[in-house]
Structure formats: structure tokens, C-alpha cells
Amino acid sequence: MKNIAITIFIVLVVAVLGLYLISFQVRETESVLVTTFGRPTRQITEPGWYFKWPAPIQRKHPFDSRMRVLEANLGETTTKGAVPIIVNTYVVWKIAEPLTFFNAVGTIAEAEKKLLSQINNTQNTIIGRHSFGEFVNSDPAKIKFGDIEAEMLTDLKPAVREDYGIEIKTLGIKQLKVSEDVTEKVFERMTAERKRRTEATISEGTAEATRIRGDANRKRDVLLDTAEARAEKIRGKGDAEAAKHYKMLEADPELAIFLRNVKSLKETLKERATIVISADAEPFILLKEMPDIKPNEPNEPEK
């Protein structure tokens, strides 16, 4: 029994060792390149359990396929208008094609070295197409950081994928600096821009004020003309009424005086009032007795 147990144990150990030599596991966080006699023959990017020939016939080379962040050093470049700026760019990358990566760079350190060189080239190319005002501007709508980063990613992504088997997921400008001389010029330019906008606003306000005053003057002239015409009409009507009354006065003076006194008395006693005055005074004599007024007959001579 003892010998059987030992035999079974040895068989199990041999089986485990054999399985270890001819198979391997690919985890979710890695990709594997298999080489046959030192030559790359198979790349595996999906997790699972795989078989191979034992070493030294075939060997596996695992690569960490998780995302990595690479931050480039501060580097000076020039914009479209030859204005020097200092930028700090970062990328998020991973190994996408183990075979290409193994043949082109082999190690993470060498890959990052290649990436830094590519990032510098992309910075110089893309930033050189854009003016300084698209990086620094008093008007937020004119700043094109997002567009510039997208252009840099579009320029960098296919190149490193094809040459190094590296996939760039994200690219961004982490930091932007300008020299003291450039800063002074920027502030001068911003001050001039603010002054120009202020003058433009004042000019627009002056033009609007002139327009409003002109419109008000035109309306005033129209209203004055309308009022004058109405006044003329009222004066004409008044003159006609006056002429009528004068005619009545000429035809029957006593009746005209009587009507005038009645009107005056009506106006005087319109509100509650206490008046001490002689009853013989005009027009209050009407309160004592009515005058004997007879209208003139037509063509009757006045008395």
C-alpha cells in the first residue's frame, strides 16, 4: 500500500510538472507572446488557459496590458505666430499588439522612450498650426484646447499603433507656461484688446444714443405739428363761436348780457360758498328779479 501511494504521488507530481511545462494561463490584465526557438510565432490577448511546447522549444513572454500614464517633460515649442510656449503633455497608453511591441521595443522602458520622442514631434507639428490666441485669450470662446488635444491624439495614435503596437487611449495638455517676456506682451495685447472692445462699445452706444435722440426729435416734431394743427382748429372754432356771440350781442345786447350773467352766476355758485355782496350787483340781481327782456323781432330796429 505504501508503495502504491508513493507511485501515485510521483505520477501526480510528474503530471503537474508536465502540465506546467506545456500550458500556461493568460490573465485579464496581460497579453502573451509565444516564441518558437526565439522567433515570435503567436500573440494572445484574450484571457484563458493555453498550451505550448515545453522550453526551450517554445517560450511565453507576458506583457502587462493595463493602462499606463506617461507624462512628458516640460518642453518649449512655438505657435503659428512664432510665439514660444512651454507645454507639458501626458498620454494614457497600453500594449495592444504584443508581437509588434516585442519586435519594435521589447521593454516598457524602451517603449516610453519611443513614446516621448513621438509626443515631442506631435507637439511641434500640431501646436505650430495654431496661433497663441487659441491657447491664451481673454475671450474663453476663442480658446481651442480641446480641439488641439484632439488633433494631437489623431496625429499620434495611428503612428504608435503601427510602429510599436501601442494604443493611445487619452492625450491631454497638463500644463502650459509662457516666458516672462511673452507674458508681458500677452498682457499688453490683452490690454489693447480690452481697450479696443471698450472703444467699440462706446462707439456703438454713441451711435445708438444719436439714433434714439433723432427718433425722439422726429416724434417731438410730429407731436408739435399735430398739437399746433389741433390748436389752430380749436382757435378757429373759438373764433367762430366768438363771432356768433358777437353777432348775437349786436342783434340783442340785453339778451347777451343776461346770458353772460347767468353763466357767471352758475360758475360762482358751482361749489358750496358763502358770499356777502350787494344784491343789486351784477350778476346777483338775477336772484331778486328777472329782467324784462324781449327778443327783437326780425328786422326790428334796436331800442
C-alpha atoms as a PDB file:
ATOM      1  CA  MET A   1       0.000   0.000   0.000  1.00  0.00           C
ATOM      2  CA  LYS A   2       2.799   2.312   0.856  1.00  0.00           C
ATOM      3  CA  ASN A   3       4.474   1.742  -2.499  1.00  0.00           C
ATOM      4  CA  ILE A   4       1.199   2.414  -4.340  1.00  0.00           C
ATOM      5  CA  ALA A   5       0.751   5.721  -2.525  1.00  0.00           C
ATOM      6  CA  ILE A   6       4.292   6.780  -3.367  1.00  0.00           C
ATOM      7  CA  THR A   7       3.763   5.829  -7.005  1.00  0.00           C
ATOM      8  CA  ILE A   8       0.531   7.827  -7.224  1.00  0.00           C
ATOM      9  CA  PHE A   9       2.218  10.845  -5.636  1.00  0.00           C
ATOM     10  CA  ILE A  10       5.123  10.658  -8.107  1.00  0.00           C
ATOM     11  CA  VAL A  11       2.698  10.379 -11.026  1.00  0.00           C
ATOM     12  CA  LEU A  12       0.788  13.436  -9.809  1.00  0.00           C
ATOM     13  CA  VAL A  13       3.967  15.445  -9.404  1.00  0.00           C
ATOM     14  CA  VAL A  14       5.118  14.464 -12.893  1.00  0.00           C
ATOM     15  CA  ALA A  15       1.690  15.335 -14.312  1.00  0.00           C
ATOM     16  CA  VAL A  16       1.678  18.744 -12.615  1.00  0.00           C
ATOM     17  CA  LEU A  17       5.203  19.481 -13.814  1.00  0.00           C
ATOM     18  CA  GLY A  18       4.325  18.314 -17.314  1.00  0.00           C
ATOM     19  CA  LEU A  19       1.189  20.444 -17.342  1.00  0.00           C
ATOM     20  CA  TYR A  20       3.245  23.398 -16.153  1.00  0.00           C
ATOM     21  CA  LEU A  21       5.748  22.878 -18.960  1.00  0.00           C
ATOM     22  CA  ILE A  22       3.190  22.573 -21.782  1.00  0.00           C
ATOM     23  CA  SER A  23       0.456  25.017 -20.695  1.00  0.00           C
ATOM     24  CA  PHE A  24       0.076  28.492 -19.284  1.00  0.00           C
ATOM     25  CA  GLN A  25      -2.596  30.929 -18.137  1.00  0.00           C
ATOM     26  CA  VAL A  26      -3.256  34.379 -19.617  1.00  0.00           C
ATOM     27  CA  ARG A  27      -4.785  36.748 -17.093  1.00  0.00           C
ATOM     28  CA  GLU A  28      -7.211  39.587 -17.894  1.00  0.00           C
ATOM     29  CA  THR A  29      -4.522  42.171 -17.136  1.00  0.00           C
ATOM     30  CA  GLU A  30      -1.916  40.794 -19.526  1.00  0.00           C
ATOM     31  CA  SER A  31      -1.196  39.651 -23.058  1.00  0.00           C
ATOM     32  CA  VAL A  32       1.301  36.956 -24.046  1.00  0.00           C
ATOM     33  CA  LEU A  33       3.695  36.465 -26.941  1.00  0.00           C
ATOM     34  CA  VAL A  34       4.813  32.887 -27.684  1.00  0.00           C
ATOM     35  CA  THR A  35       8.200  32.353 -29.397  1.00  0.00           C
ATOM     36  CA  THR A  36       9.434  29.187 -31.082  1.00  0.00           C
ATOM     37  CA  PHE A  37      13.197  28.832 -30.936  1.00  0.00           C
ATOM     38  CA  GLY A  38      13.380  32.578 -30.218  1.00  0.00           C
ATOM     39  CA  ARG A  39      11.156  33.653 -33.114  1.00  0.00           C
ATOM     40  CA  PRO A  40       7.726  35.186 -32.352  1.00  0.00           C
ATOM     41  CA  THR A  41       5.007  32.842 -33.597  1.00  0.00           C
ATOM     42  CA  ARG A  42       1.828  33.630 -31.684  1.00  0.00           C
ATOM     43  CA  GLN A  43       0.309  36.512 -29.750  1.00  0.00           C
ATOM     44  CA  ILE A  44      -2.519  36.043 -27.258  1.00  0.00           C
ATOM     45  CA  THR A  45      -4.618  38.941 -25.998  1.00  0.00           C
ATOM     46  CA  GLU A  46      -7.660  37.077 -24.639  1.00  0.00           C
ATOM     47  CA  PRO A  47      -7.574  35.669 -21.071  1.00  0.00           C
ATOM     48  CA  GLY A  48      -7.700  31.871 -20.665  1.00  0.00           C
ATOM     49  CA  TRP A  49      -5.696  28.646 -20.477  1.00  0.00           C
ATOM     50  CA  TYR A  50      -3.411  27.802 -23.438  1.00  0.00           C
ATOM     51  CA  PHE A  51      -0.957  25.065 -24.445  1.00  0.00           C
ATOM     52  CA  LYS A  52       2.549  25.262 -25.882  1.00  0.00           C
ATOM     53  CA  TRP A  53       5.588  23.144 -26.465  1.00  0.00           C
ATOM     54  CA  PRO A  54       7.885  22.901 -23.462  1.00  0.00           C
ATOM     55  CA  ALA A  55      11.005  25.075 -23.257  1.00  0.00           C
ATOM     56  CA  PRO A  56      13.353  25.560 -24.950  1.00  0.00           C
ATOM     57  CA  ILE A  57      11.139  24.820 -27.979  1.00  0.00           C
ATOM     58  CA  GLN A  58       8.550  27.457 -27.105  1.00  0.00           C
ATOM     59  CA  ARG A  59       8.619  30.194 -24.511  1.00  0.00           C
ATOM     60  CA  LYS A  60       5.970  32.656 -23.336  1.00  0.00           C
ATOM     61  CA  HIS A  61       6.606  36.352 -22.842  1.00  0.00           C
ATOM     62  CA  PRO A  62       3.894  38.038 -20.763  1.00  0.00           C
ATOM     63  CA  PHE A  63       3.200  41.769 -21.072  1.00  0.00           C
ATOM     64  CA  ASP A  64       1.135  43.882 -18.699  1.00  0.00           C
ATOM     65  CA  SER A  65      -1.783  45.180 -20.784  1.00  0.00           C
ATOM     66  CA  ARG A  66      -3.175  47.543 -18.161  1.00  0.00           C
ATOM     67  CA  MET A  67      -3.381  51.274 -18.806  1.00  0.00           C
ATOM     68  CA  ARG A  68      -0.253  53.301 -18.103  1.00  0.00           C
ATOM     69  CA  VAL A  69       0.206  57.041 -17.742  1.00  0.00           C
ATOM     70  CA  LEU A  70       3.230  58.676 -19.302  1.00  0.00           C
ATOM     71  CA  GLU A  71       3.892  62.353 -18.627  1.00  0.00           C
ATOM     72  CA  ALA A  72       6.320  64.130 -20.921  1.00  0.00           C
ATOM     73  CA  ASN A  73       8.797  66.650 -19.562  1.00  0.00           C
ATOM     74  CA  LEU A  74       8.173  70.358 -19.981  1.00  0.00           C
ATOM     75  CA  GLY A  75       9.226  71.270 -23.487  1.00  0.00           C
ATOM     76  CA  GLU A  76       9.338  74.539 -25.390  1.00  0.00           C
ATOM     77  CA  THR A  77       7.693  74.824 -28.777  1.00  0.00           C
ATOM     78  CA  THR A  78       6.397  77.658 -30.943  1.00  0.00           C
ATOM     79  CA  THR A  79       2.905  78.547 -32.091  1.00  0.00           C
ATOM     80  CA  LYS A  80       1.817  79.629 -35.561  1.00  0.00           C
ATOM     81  CA  GLY A  81       2.922  83.211 -34.935  1.00  0.00           C
ATOM     82  CA  ALA A  82       6.367  82.086 -33.700  1.00  0.00           C
ATOM     83  CA  VAL A  83       5.416  82.737 -30.064  1.00  0.00           C
ATOM     84  CA  PRO A  84       7.316  80.343 -27.765  1.00  0.00           C
ATOM     85  CA  ILE A  85       5.302  78.414 -25.175  1.00  0.00           C
ATOM     86  CA  ILE A  86       6.174  75.638 -22.748  1.00  0.00           C
ATOM     87  CA  VAL A  87       3.790  72.657 -22.595  1.00  0.00           C
ATOM     88  CA  ASN A  88       3.564  69.513 -20.522  1.00  0.00           C
ATOM     89  CA  THR A  89       1.679  66.691 -22.305  1.00  0.00           C
ATOM     90  CA  TYR A  90       0.546  63.349 -20.897  1.00  0.00           C
ATOM     91  CA  VAL A  91      -0.806  60.173 -22.539  1.00  0.00           C
ATOM     92  CA  VAL A  92      -2.669  57.117 -21.273  1.00  0.00           C
ATOM     93  CA  TRP A  93      -1.484  54.013 -23.179  1.00  0.00           C
ATOM     94  CA  LYS A  94      -1.363  50.228 -23.182  1.00  0.00           C
ATOM     95  CA  ILE A  95       0.181  47.367 -25.135  1.00  0.00           C
ATOM     96  CA  ALA A  96      -2.321  46.433 -27.838  1.00  0.00           C
ATOM     97  CA  GLU A  97      -0.259  44.150 -30.107  1.00  0.00           C
ATOM     98  CA  PRO A  98       2.368  42.094 -28.224  1.00  0.00           C
ATOM     99  CA  LEU A  99       4.077  40.843 -31.399  1.00  0.00           C
ATOM    100  CA  THR A 100       4.655  44.324 -32.815  1.00  0.00           C
ATOM    101  CA  PHE A 101       5.633  45.598 -29.371  1.00  0.00           C
ATOM    102  CA  PHE A 102       8.143  42.768 -28.861  1.00  0.00           C
ATOM    103  CA  ASN A 103       9.770  43.291 -32.250  1.00  0.00           C
ATOM    104  CA  ALA A 104       9.871  47.100 -32.072  1.00  0.00           C
ATOM    105  CA  VAL A 105      10.742  47.924 -28.465  1.00  0.00           C
ATOM    106  CA  GLY A 106      10.713  44.810 -26.283  1.00  0.00           C
ATOM    107  CA  THR A 107      10.516  46.558 -22.894  1.00  0.00           C
ATOM    108  CA  ILE A 108       8.327  49.129 -21.161  1.00  0.00           C
ATOM    109  CA  ALA A 109      11.292  51.471 -20.616  1.00  0.00           C
ATOM    110  CA  GLU A 110      12.188  51.447 -24.305  1.00  0.00           C
ATOM    111  CA  ALA A 111       8.529  51.914 -25.245  1.00  0.00           C
ATOM    112  CA  GLU A 112       8.230  55.027 -23.056  1.00  0.00           C
ATOM    113  CA  LYS A 113      11.417  56.405 -24.586  1.00  0.00           C
ATOM    114  CA  LYS A 114       9.941  55.987 -28.064  1.00  0.00           C
ATOM    115  CA  LEU A 115       6.650  57.492 -26.950  1.00  0.00           C
ATOM    116  CA  LEU A 116       8.328  60.609 -25.558  1.00  0.00           C
ATOM    117  CA  SER A 117      10.036  61.184 -28.893  1.00  0.00           C
ATOM    118  CA  GLN A 118       6.738  60.779 -30.758  1.00  0.00           C
ATOM    119  CA  ILE A 119       4.947  63.125 -28.332  1.00  0.00           C
ATOM    120  CA  ASN A 120       7.556  65.846 -28.870  1.00  0.00           C
ATOM    121  CA  ASN A 121       7.202  65.537 -32.643  1.00  0.00           C
ATOM    122  CA  THR A 122       3.409  65.714 -32.415  1.00  0.00           C
ATOM    123  CA  GLN A 123       3.579  68.755 -30.116  1.00  0.00           C
ATOM    124  CA  ASN A 124       5.813  70.665 -32.503  1.00  0.00           C
ATOM    125  CA  THR A 125       3.672  69.769 -35.533  1.00  0.00           C
ATOM    126  CA  ILE A 126       0.190  70.414 -34.155  1.00  0.00           C
ATOM    127  CA  ILE A 127       0.947  73.419 -31.934  1.00  0.00           C
ATOM    128  CA  GLY A 128       2.793  75.033 -34.847  1.00  0.00           C
ATOM    129  CA  ARG A 129      -0.535  75.083 -36.731  1.00  0.00           C
ATOM    130  CA  HIS A 130      -2.357  77.136 -34.091  1.00  0.00           C
ATOM    131  CA  SER A 131      -1.950  80.736 -33.019  1.00  0.00           C
ATOM    132  CA  PHE A 132      -1.073  81.813 -29.495  1.00  0.00           C
ATOM    133  CA  GLY A 133      -4.573  83.289 -29.075  1.00  0.00           C
ATOM    134  CA  GLU A 134      -6.022  79.773 -29.197  1.00  0.00           C
ATOM    135  CA  PHE A 135      -4.065  78.889 -26.036  1.00  0.00           C
ATOM    136  CA  VAL A 136      -4.288  82.166 -24.074  1.00  0.00           C
ATOM    137  CA  ASN A 137      -7.131  84.601 -24.681  1.00  0.00           C
ATOM    138  CA  SER A 138      -9.347  86.964 -22.709  1.00  0.00           C
ATOM    139  CA  ASP A 139     -12.313  85.535 -24.612  1.00  0.00           C
ATOM    140  CA  PRO A 140     -12.955  81.925 -23.442  1.00  0.00           C
ATOM    141  CA  ALA A 141     -14.793  81.135 -26.685  1.00  0.00           C
ATOM    142  CA  LYS A 142     -11.543  81.575 -28.660  1.00  0.00           C
ATOM    143  CA  ILE A 143      -9.522  79.081 -26.583  1.00  0.00           C
ATOM    144  CA  LYS A 144      -9.224  75.774 -28.521  1.00  0.00           C
ATOM    145  CA  PHE A 145      -7.544  73.469 -26.004  1.00  0.00           C
ATOM    146  CA  GLY A 146      -9.958  70.603 -26.658  1.00  0.00           C
ATOM    147  CA  ASP A 147      -9.564  70.809 -30.441  1.00  0.00           C
ATOM    148  CA  ILE A 148      -5.768  70.979 -30.200  1.00  0.00           C
ATOM    149  CA  GLU A 149      -5.629  67.929 -27.902  1.00  0.00           C
ATOM    150  CA  ALA A 150      -7.917  66.008 -30.288  1.00  0.00           C
ATOM    151  CA  GLU A 151      -5.656  66.877 -33.230  1.00  0.00           C
ATOM    152  CA  MET A 152      -2.586  65.709 -31.314  1.00  0.00           C
ATOM    153  CA  LEU A 153      -4.282  62.419 -30.420  1.00  0.00           C
ATOM    154  CA  THR A 154      -5.345  61.867 -34.047  1.00  0.00           C
ATOM    155  CA  ASP A 155      -1.792  62.504 -35.222  1.00  0.00           C
ATOM    156  CA  LEU A 156      -0.101  60.315 -32.578  1.00  0.00           C
ATOM    157  CA  LYS A 157      -2.471  57.362 -32.270  1.00  0.00           C
ATOM    158  CA  PRO A 158      -2.086  55.568 -35.624  1.00  0.00           C
ATOM    159  CA  ALA A 159       1.677  56.092 -35.755  1.00  0.00           C
ATOM    160  CA  VAL A 160       2.481  54.401 -32.434  1.00  0.00           C
ATOM    161  CA  ARG A 161      -0.078  51.656 -33.070  1.00  0.00           C
ATOM    162  CA  GLU A 162       1.533  50.689 -36.361  1.00  0.00           C
ATOM    163  CA  ASP A 163       5.164  51.177 -35.333  1.00  0.00           C
ATOM    164  CA  TYR A 164       5.161  49.939 -31.717  1.00  0.00           C
ATOM    165  CA  GLY A 165       1.900  48.030 -31.135  1.00  0.00           C
ATOM    166  CA  ILE A 166       0.875  50.646 -28.556  1.00  0.00           C
ATOM    167  CA  GLU A 167      -2.655  52.005 -28.227  1.00  0.00           C
ATOM    168  CA  ILE A 168      -3.099  55.593 -27.012  1.00  0.00           C
ATOM    169  CA  LYS A 169      -6.375  55.996 -25.133  1.00  0.00           C
ATOM    170  CA  THR A 170      -6.124  59.612 -23.962  1.00  0.00           C
ATOM    171  CA  LEU A 171      -3.903  62.624 -24.610  1.00  0.00           C
ATOM    172  CA  GLY A 172      -4.014  65.947 -22.805  1.00  0.00           C
ATOM    173  CA  ILE A 173      -2.041  69.104 -22.102  1.00  0.00           C
ATOM    174  CA  LYS A 174      -1.440  69.112 -18.359  1.00  0.00           C
ATOM    175  CA  GLN A 175       0.416  72.387 -18.075  1.00  0.00           C
ATOM    176  CA  LEU A 176       1.035  75.471 -20.194  1.00  0.00           C
ATOM    177  CA  LYS A 177       3.648  78.119 -19.434  1.00  0.00           C
ATOM    178  CA  VAL A 178       4.961  81.207 -21.159  1.00  0.00           C
ATOM    179  CA  SER A 179       8.184  83.119 -20.569  1.00  0.00           C
ATOM    180  CA  GLU A 180       8.272  86.459 -18.753  1.00  0.00           C
ATOM    181  CA  ASP A 181       8.773  88.415 -21.989  1.00  0.00           C
ATOM    182  CA  VAL A 182       5.895  86.639 -23.659  1.00  0.00           C
ATOM    183  CA  THR A 183       3.719  87.151 -20.571  1.00  0.00           C
ATOM    184  CA  GLU A 184       4.345  90.900 -20.707  1.00  0.00           C
ATOM    185  CA  LYS A 185       3.475  91.001 -24.398  1.00  0.00           C
ATOM    186  CA  VAL A 186       0.369  88.926 -23.762  1.00  0.00           C
ATOM    187  CA  PHE A 187      -0.834  91.361 -21.101  1.00  0.00           C
ATOM    188  CA  GLU A 188      -0.124  94.281 -23.415  1.00  0.00           C
ATOM    189  CA  ARG A 189      -2.090  92.572 -26.175  1.00  0.00           C
ATOM    190  CA  MET A 190      -4.939  91.750 -23.798  1.00  0.00           C
ATOM    191  CA  THR A 191      -4.983  95.377 -22.580  1.00  0.00           C
ATOM    192  CA  ALA A 192      -5.097  96.622 -26.165  1.00  0.00           C
ATOM    193  CA  GLU A 193      -7.891  94.166 -26.952  1.00  0.00           C
ATOM    194  CA  ARG A 194      -9.872  95.317 -23.917  1.00  0.00           C
ATOM    195  CA  LYS A 195      -9.353  98.948 -24.931  1.00  0.00           C
ATOM    196  CA  ARG A 196     -10.463  98.209 -28.485  1.00  0.00           C
ATOM    197  CA  ARG A 197     -13.588  96.456 -27.237  1.00  0.00           C
ATOM    198  CA  THR A 198     -14.299  99.328 -24.844  1.00  0.00           C
ATOM    199  CA  GLU A 199     -13.959 101.886 -27.631  1.00  0.00           C
ATOM    200  CA  ALA A 200     -16.171  99.763 -29.880  1.00  0.00           C
ATOM    201  CA  THR A 201     -18.798  99.547 -27.137  1.00  0.00           C
ATOM    202  CA  ILE A 202     -18.663 103.308 -26.538  1.00  0.00           C
ATOM    203  CA  SER A 203     -18.946 103.934 -30.280  1.00  0.00           C
ATOM    204  CA  GLU A 204     -21.934 101.636 -30.514  1.00  0.00           C
ATOM    205  CA  GLY A 205     -23.517 103.356 -27.509  1.00  0.00           C
ATOM    206  CA  THR A 206     -22.929 106.792 -29.022  1.00  0.00           C
ATOM    207  CA  ALA A 207     -24.465 105.710 -32.319  1.00  0.00           C
ATOM    208  CA  GLU A 208     -27.449 104.228 -30.502  1.00  0.00           C
ATOM    209  CA  ALA A 209     -27.877 107.398 -28.434  1.00  0.00           C
ATOM    210  CA  THR A 210     -27.765 109.513 -31.608  1.00  0.00           C
ATOM    211  CA  ARG A 211     -30.360 107.272 -33.190  1.00  0.00           C
ATOM    212  CA  ILE A 212     -32.621 107.479 -30.131  1.00  0.00           C
ATOM    213  CA  ARG A 213     -32.278 111.275 -29.953  1.00  0.00           C
ATOM    214  CA  GLY A 214     -33.045 111.600 -33.670  1.00  0.00           C
ATOM    215  CA  ASP A 215     -36.079 109.363 -33.285  1.00  0.00           C
ATOM    216  CA  ALA A 216     -37.249 111.350 -30.246  1.00  0.00           C
ATOM    217  CA  ASN A 217     -36.781 114.643 -32.109  1.00  0.00           C
ATOM    218  CA  ARG A 218     -38.806 113.355 -35.047  1.00  0.00           C
ATOM    219  CA  LYS A 219     -41.600 112.230 -32.734  1.00  0.00           C
ATOM    220  CA  ARG A 220     -41.476 115.577 -30.910  1.00  0.00           C
ATOM    221  CA  ASP A 221     -41.794 117.465 -34.227  1.00  0.00           C
ATOM    222  CA  VAL A 222     -44.730 115.296 -35.246  1.00  0.00           C
ATOM    223  CA  LEU A 223     -46.439 115.838 -31.881  1.00  0.00           C
ATOM    224  CA  LEU A 224     -45.814 119.601 -32.040  1.00  0.00           C
ATOM    225  CA  ASP A 225     -47.184 119.786 -35.566  1.00  0.00           C
ATOM    226  CA  THR A 226     -50.223 117.761 -34.521  1.00  0.00           C
ATOM    227  CA  ALA A 227     -50.763 119.919 -31.440  1.00  0.00           C
ATOM    228  CA  GLU A 228     -50.369 123.123 -33.461  1.00  0.00           C
ATOM    229  CA  ALA A 229     -52.877 121.899 -36.035  1.00  0.00           C
ATOM    230  CA  ARG A 230     -55.300 120.982 -33.270  1.00  0.00           C
ATOM    231  CA  ALA A 231     -54.776 124.341 -31.595  1.00  0.00           C
ATOM    232  CA  GLU A 232     -55.433 126.089 -34.876  1.00  0.00           C
ATOM    233  CA  LYS A 233     -58.623 124.089 -35.234  1.00  0.00           C
ATOM    234  CA  ILE A 234     -59.716 124.948 -31.688  1.00  0.00           C
ATOM    235  CA  ARG A 235     -58.849 128.613 -32.215  1.00  0.00           C
ATOM    236  CA  GLY A 236     -60.860 128.621 -35.426  1.00  0.00           C
ATOM    237  CA  LYS A 237     -63.767 127.025 -33.653  1.00  0.00           C
ATOM    238  CA  GLY A 238     -63.443 129.540 -30.808  1.00  0.00           C
ATOM    239  CA  ASP A 239     -63.285 132.413 -33.258  1.00  0.00           C
ATOM    240  CA  ALA A 240     -66.396 131.087 -34.961  1.00  0.00           C
ATOM    241  CA  GLU A 241     -68.192 130.833 -31.602  1.00  0.00           C
ATOM    242  CA  ALA A 242     -66.994 134.308 -30.654  1.00  0.00           C
ATOM    243  CA  ALA A 243     -68.206 135.691 -33.942  1.00  0.00           C
ATOM    244  CA  LYS A 244     -71.535 134.040 -33.341  1.00  0.00           C
ATOM    245  CA  HIS A 245     -71.781 135.563 -29.870  1.00  0.00           C
ATOM    246  CA  TYR A 246     -70.690 138.949 -31.171  1.00  0.00           C
ATOM    247  CA  LYS A 247     -73.415 138.709 -33.761  1.00  0.00           C
ATOM    248  CA  MET A 248     -75.910 137.826 -31.053  1.00  0.00           C
ATOM    249  CA  LEU A 249     -74.598 140.747 -28.977  1.00  0.00           C
ATOM    250  CA  GLU A 250     -75.058 143.083 -31.855  1.00  0.00           C
ATOM    251  CA  ALA A 251     -78.576 141.750 -32.533  1.00  0.00           C
ATOM    252  CA  ASP A 252     -79.779 141.767 -28.894  1.00  0.00           C
ATOM    253  CA  PRO A 253     -77.319 143.264 -26.376  1.00  0.00           C
ATOM    254  CA  GLU A 254     -79.615 142.814 -23.369  1.00  0.00           C
ATOM    255  CA  LEU A 255     -80.047 139.057 -24.036  1.00  0.00           C
ATOM    256  CA  ALA A 256     -76.292 138.616 -24.473  1.00  0.00           C
ATOM    257  CA  ILE A 257     -75.588 140.412 -21.159  1.00  0.00           C
ATOM    258  CA  PHE A 258     -78.266 138.301 -19.478  1.00  0.00           C
ATOM    259  CA  LEU A 259     -76.722 135.060 -20.762  1.00  0.00           C
ATOM    260  CA  ARG A 260     -73.257 136.194 -19.653  1.00  0.00           C
ATOM    261  CA  ASN A 261     -74.579 136.956 -16.138  1.00  0.00           C
ATOM    262  CA  VAL A 262     -76.305 133.569 -15.907  1.00  0.00           C
ATOM    263  CA  LYS A 263     -73.081 131.839 -16.867  1.00  0.00           C
ATOM    264  CA  SER A 264     -71.065 133.852 -14.345  1.00  0.00           C
ATOM    265  CA  LEU A 265     -73.593 133.123 -11.575  1.00  0.00           C
ATOM    266  CA  LYS A 266     -73.506 129.414 -12.430  1.00  0.00           C
ATOM    267  CA  GLU A 267     -69.729 129.324 -12.240  1.00  0.00           C
ATOM    268  CA  THR A 268     -69.650 131.267  -8.978  1.00  0.00           C
ATOM    269  CA  LEU A 269     -72.209 129.091  -7.173  1.00  0.00           C
ATOM    270  CA  LYS A 270     -70.923 125.790  -8.578  1.00  0.00           C
ATOM    271  CA  GLU A 271     -69.356 124.868  -5.215  1.00  0.00           C
ATOM    272  CA  ARG A 272     -70.725 125.450  -1.732  1.00  0.00           C
ATOM    273  CA  ALA A 273     -69.787 129.005  -0.863  1.00  0.00           C
ATOM    274  CA  THR A 274     -70.800 131.924   1.316  1.00  0.00           C
ATOM    275  CA  ILE A 275     -70.758 135.287  -0.448  1.00  0.00           C
ATOM    276  CA  VAL A 276     -71.578 138.690   1.120  1.00  0.00           C
ATOM    277  CA  ILE A 277     -72.282 141.166  -1.664  1.00  0.00           C
ATOM    278  CA  SER A 278     -74.888 143.698  -2.542  1.00  0.00           C
ATOM    279  CA  ALA A 279     -77.958 142.154  -4.113  1.00  0.00           C
ATOM    280  CA  ASP A 280     -78.008 144.937  -6.660  1.00  0.00           C
ATOM    281  CA  ALA A 281     -74.642 143.901  -8.079  1.00  0.00           C
ATOM    282  CA  GLU A 282     -74.345 142.036 -11.317  1.00  0.00           C
ATOM    283  CA  PRO A 283     -74.972 139.177 -11.794  1.00  0.00           C
ATOM    284  CA  PHE A 284     -76.641 138.580  -8.390  1.00  0.00           C
ATOM    285  CA  ILE A 285     -79.528 140.907  -9.213  1.00  0.00           C
ATOM    286  CA  LEU A 286     -80.930 137.911 -11.058  1.00  0.00           C
ATOM    287  CA  LEU A 287     -81.601 136.313  -7.670  1.00  0.00           C
ATOM    288  CA  LYS A 288     -84.156 139.064  -6.887  1.00  0.00           C
ATOM    289  CA  GLU A 289     -85.984 139.503 -10.157  1.00  0.00           C
ATOM    290  CA  MET A 290     -85.785 138.532 -13.753  1.00  0.00           C
ATOM    291  CA  PRO A 291     -85.095 141.360 -16.205  1.00  0.00           C
ATOM    292  CA  ASP A 292     -87.732 142.221 -18.715  1.00  0.00           C
ATOM    293  CA  ILE A 293     -86.067 141.014 -21.876  1.00  0.00           C
ATOM    294  CA  LYS A 294     -87.871 140.634 -25.115  1.00  0.00           C
ATOM    295  CA  PRO A 295     -86.164 139.316 -28.180  1.00  0.00           C
ATOM    296  CA  ASN A 296     -86.038 141.606 -31.112  1.00  0.00           C
ATOM    297  CA  GLU A 297     -88.323 140.814 -33.930  1.00  0.00           C
ATOM    298  CA  PRO A 298     -86.738 140.229 -37.262  1.00  0.00           C
ATOM    299  CA  ASN A 299     -85.798 143.457 -38.979  1.00  0.00           C
ATOM    300  CA  GLU A 300     -86.936 145.313 -35.821  1.00  0.00           C
ATOM    301  CA  PRO A 301     -84.724 148.243 -35.065  1.00  0.00           C
ATOM    302  CA  GLU A 302     -82.860 148.207 -31.783  1.00  0.00           C
ATOM    303  CA  LYS A 303     -84.137 150.395 -28.948  1.00  0.00           C
END
